[in-house]
Amino acid sequence: QLHLTISEKNELMRSLEMIQNQLQEKESEIKREISEYKDRLLQAEKEHQDALTEANRKNEVEIEACHEKISSLEHFISSQKLEIEHLKSTKEQLNYSLKEANQALGELLKTKVR
């Protein structure tokens, strides 16, 4: 009986040792997979951050170009307004000169008719 019990105990100990080894192997495998996933996650985060940084840089360049274009257009509009004011003033002067010339012509025609 004792011999049988010792034999069973030894068999159970071998089984326990096998199970413990399997568990250690599985734990090692899981730790390795977790490490791989962490590495992949870090890489994906880095790529995402790099893409965001590049997109932000491009947006800043685009925004600066738009600001420059707006500034240029504002300057152009301002110069066009000045030109319009100048043309209005010139038109008024020409209208006044034309009116005076028509009056003078009318006077000349009157004196010529007499």
C-alpha atoms as a PDB file:
ATOM      1  CA  GLN A   1       0.000   0.000   0.000  1.00  0.00           C
ATOM      2  CA  LEU A   2       2.783   2.364   0.972  1.00  0.00           C
ATOM      3  CA  HIS A   3       4.639   1.574  -2.237  1.00  0.00           C
ATOM      4  CA  LEU A   4       1.481   2.247  -4.273  1.00  0.00           C
ATOM      5  CA  THR A   5       0.880   5.537  -2.480  1.00  0.00           C
ATOM      6  CA  ILE A   6       4.484   6.639  -3.028  1.00  0.00           C
ATOM      7  CA  SER A   7       4.190   5.681  -6.678  1.00  0.00           C
ATOM      8  CA  GLU A   8       0.964   7.691  -7.038  1.00  0.00           C
ATOM      9  CA  LYS A   9       2.587  10.598  -5.227  1.00  0.00           C
ATOM     10  CA  ASN A  10       5.540  10.490  -7.613  1.00  0.00           C
ATOM     11  CA  GLU A  11       3.200  10.336 -10.593  1.00  0.00           C
ATOM     12  CA  LEU A  12       1.227  13.299  -9.256  1.00  0.00           C
ATOM     13  CA  MET A  13       4.481  15.209  -8.661  1.00  0.00           C
ATOM     14  CA  ARG A  14       5.586  14.562 -12.262  1.00  0.00           C
ATOM     15  CA  SER A  15       2.163  15.674 -13.494  1.00  0.00           C
ATOM     16  CA  LEU A  16       2.329  18.776 -11.333  1.00  0.00           C
ATOM     17  CA  GLU A  17       5.834  19.564 -12.610  1.00  0.00           C
ATOM     18  CA  MET A  18       4.680  19.104 -16.226  1.00  0.00           C
ATOM     19  CA  ILE A  19       1.706  21.387 -15.659  1.00  0.00           C
ATOM     20  CA  GLN A  20       3.924  23.977 -13.963  1.00  0.00           C
ATOM     21  CA  ASN A  21       6.351  23.846 -16.908  1.00  0.00           C
ATOM     22  CA  GLN A  22       3.484  24.230 -19.370  1.00  0.00           C
ATOM     23  CA  LEU A  23       2.144  27.179 -17.376  1.00  0.00           C
ATOM     24  CA  GLN A  24       5.590  28.804 -17.326  1.00  0.00           C
ATOM     25  CA  GLU A  25       5.916  28.307 -21.088  1.00  0.00           C
ATOM     26  CA  LYS A  26       2.455  29.746 -21.646  1.00  0.00           C
ATOM     27  CA  GLU A  27       3.249  32.693 -19.347  1.00  0.00           C
ATOM     28  CA  SER A  28       6.491  33.342 -21.239  1.00  0.00           C
ATOM     29  CA  GLU A  29       4.618  33.178 -24.559  1.00  0.00           C
ATOM     30  CA  ILE A  30       1.938  35.586 -23.317  1.00  0.00           C
ATOM     31  CA  LYS A  31       4.593  37.995 -21.980  1.00  0.00           C
ATOM     32  CA  ARG A  32       6.378  37.873 -25.347  1.00  0.00           C
ATOM     33  CA  GLU A  33       3.107  38.572 -27.195  1.00  0.00           C
ATOM     34  CA  ILE A  34       2.291  41.453 -24.831  1.00  0.00           C
ATOM     35  CA  SER A  35       5.748  42.887 -25.461  1.00  0.00           C
ATOM     36  CA  GLU A  36       5.249  42.583 -29.237  1.00  0.00           C
ATOM     37  CA  TYR A  37       1.841  44.269 -29.016  1.00  0.00           C
ATOM     38  CA  LYS A  38       3.297  47.075 -26.900  1.00  0.00           C
ATOM     39  CA  ASP A  39       6.082  47.572 -29.462  1.00  0.00           C
ATOM     40  CA  ARG A  40       3.554  47.637 -32.307  1.00  0.00           C
ATOM     41  CA  LEU A  41       1.363  50.064 -30.384  1.00  0.00           C
ATOM     42  CA  LEU A  42       4.309  52.375 -29.708  1.00  0.00           C
ATOM     43  CA  GLN A  43       5.282  52.221 -33.390  1.00  0.00           C
ATOM     44  CA  ALA A  44       1.708  52.990 -34.472  1.00  0.00           C
ATOM     45  CA  GLU A  45       1.530  55.884 -32.006  1.00  0.00           C
ATOM     46  CA  LYS A  46       4.839  57.247 -33.305  1.00  0.00           C
ATOM     47  CA  GLU A  47       3.677  56.980 -36.922  1.00  0.00           C
ATOM     48  CA  HIS A  48       0.394  58.658 -35.987  1.00  0.00           C
ATOM     49  CA  GLN A  49       2.219  61.468 -34.185  1.00  0.00           C
ATOM     50  CA  ASP A  50       4.605  61.895 -37.134  1.00  0.00           C
ATOM     51  CA  ALA A  51       1.638  62.093 -39.513  1.00  0.00           C
ATOM     52  CA  LEU A  52      -0.070  64.665 -37.275  1.00  0.00           C
ATOM     53  CA  THR A  53       3.111  66.723 -37.051  1.00  0.00           C
ATOM     54  CA  GLU A  54       3.519  66.673 -40.833  1.00  0.00           C
ATOM     55  CA  ALA A  55      -0.147  67.562 -41.383  1.00  0.00           C
ATOM     56  CA  ASN A  56       0.171  70.445 -38.912  1.00  0.00           C
ATOM     57  CA  ARG A  57       3.320  71.670 -40.653  1.00  0.00           C
ATOM     58  CA  LYS A  58       1.591  71.585 -44.039  1.00  0.00           C
ATOM     59  CA  ASN A  59      -1.437  73.380 -42.593  1.00  0.00           C
ATOM     60  CA  GLU A  60       0.782  76.090 -41.101  1.00  0.00           C
ATOM     61  CA  VAL A  61       2.480  76.602 -44.476  1.00  0.00           C
ATOM     62  CA  GLU A  62      -0.920  76.748 -46.186  1.00  0.00           C
ATOM     63  CA  ILE A  63      -2.293  79.172 -43.590  1.00  0.00           C
ATOM     64  CA  GLU A  64       0.753  81.418 -43.995  1.00  0.00           C
ATOM     65  CA  ALA A  65       0.311  81.374 -47.786  1.00  0.00           C
ATOM     66  CA  CYS A  66      -3.374  82.293 -47.339  1.00  0.00           C
ATOM     67  CA  HIS A  67      -2.466  85.153 -44.985  1.00  0.00           C
ATOM     68  CA  GLU A  68       0.017  86.449 -47.548  1.00  0.00           C
ATOM     69  CA  LYS A  69      -2.580  86.190 -50.324  1.00  0.00           C
ATOM     70  CA  ILE A  70      -5.184  87.991 -48.169  1.00  0.00           C
ATOM     71  CA  SER A  71      -2.674  90.727 -47.384  1.00  0.00           C
ATOM     72  CA  SER A  72      -1.815  91.052 -51.064  1.00  0.00           C
ATOM     73  CA  LEU A  73      -5.512  91.221 -52.034  1.00  0.00           C
ATOM     74  CA  GLU A  74      -6.215  93.799 -49.314  1.00  0.00           C
ATOM     75  CA  HIS A  75      -3.365  95.919 -50.661  1.00  0.00           C
ATOM     76  CA  PHE A  76      -4.682  95.500 -54.212  1.00  0.00           C
ATOM     77  CA  ILE A  77      -8.229  96.465 -53.130  1.00  0.00           C
ATOM     78  CA  SER A  78      -6.877  99.497 -51.302  1.00  0.00           C
ATOM     79  CA  SER A  79      -4.942 100.628 -54.370  1.00  0.00           C
ATOM     80  CA  GLN A  80      -8.018 100.037 -56.555  1.00  0.00           C
ATOM     81  CA  LYS A  81     -10.124 102.188 -54.212  1.00  0.00           C
ATOM     82  CA  LEU A  82      -7.556 104.966 -54.478  1.00  0.00           C
ATOM     83  CA  GLU A  83      -7.568 104.614 -58.259  1.00  0.00           C
ATOM     84  CA  ILE A  84     -11.394 104.784 -58.297  1.00  0.00           C
ATOM     85  CA  GLU A  85     -11.324 107.938 -56.172  1.00  0.00           C
ATOM     86  CA  HIS A  86      -8.718 109.439 -58.486  1.00  0.00           C
ATOM     87  CA  LEU A  87     -10.824 108.531 -61.557  1.00  0.00           C
ATOM     88  CA  LYS A  88     -13.957 110.031 -59.955  1.00  0.00           C
ATOM     89  CA  SER A  89     -12.074 113.239 -59.264  1.00  0.00           C
ATOM     90  CA  THR A  90     -10.732 113.327 -62.820  1.00  0.00           C
ATOM     91  CA  LYS A  91     -14.226 112.668 -64.185  1.00  0.00           C
ATOM     92  CA  GLU A  92     -15.627 115.563 -62.147  1.00  0.00           C
ATOM     93  CA  GLN A  93     -12.879 117.835 -63.438  1.00  0.00           C
ATOM     94  CA  LEU A  94     -13.512 116.697 -67.022  1.00  0.00           C
ATOM     95  CA  ASN A  95     -17.282 117.189 -66.616  1.00  0.00           C
ATOM     96  CA  TYR A  96     -16.668 120.672 -65.262  1.00  0.00           C
ATOM     97  CA  SER A  97     -14.270 121.461 -68.139  1.00  0.00           C
ATOM     98  CA  LEU A  98     -16.778 120.045 -70.642  1.00  0.00           C
ATOM     99  CA  LYS A  99     -19.537 122.176 -69.142  1.00  0.00           C
ATOM    100  CA  GLU A 100     -17.335 125.272 -69.380  1.00  0.00           C
ATOM    101  CA  ALA A 101     -16.364 124.394 -72.964  1.00  0.00           C
ATOM    102  CA  ASN A 102     -20.029 123.908 -73.904  1.00  0.00           C
ATOM    103  CA  GLN A 103     -20.893 127.249 -72.337  1.00  0.00           C
ATOM    104  CA  ALA A 104     -18.031 128.910 -74.221  1.00  0.00           C
ATOM    105  CA  LEU A 105     -19.135 127.208 -77.417  1.00  0.00           C
ATOM    106  CA  GLY A 106     -22.682 128.382 -76.787  1.00  0.00           C
ATOM    107  CA  GLU A 107     -21.414 131.945 -76.314  1.00  0.00           C
ATOM    108  CA  LEU A 108     -19.357 131.701 -79.492  1.00  0.00           C
ATOM    109  CA  LEU A 109     -22.327 130.375 -81.456  1.00  0.00           C
ATOM    110  CA  LYS A 110     -24.488 133.224 -80.125  1.00  0.00           C
ATOM    111  CA  THR A 111     -21.953 135.835 -81.146  1.00  0.00           C
ATOM    112  CA  LYS A 112     -21.473 134.174 -84.507  1.00  0.00           C
ATOM    113  CA  VAL A 113     -25.234 134.120 -85.162  1.00  0.00           C
ATOM    114  CA  ARG A 114     -25.461 137.864 -84.423  1.00  0.00           C
END
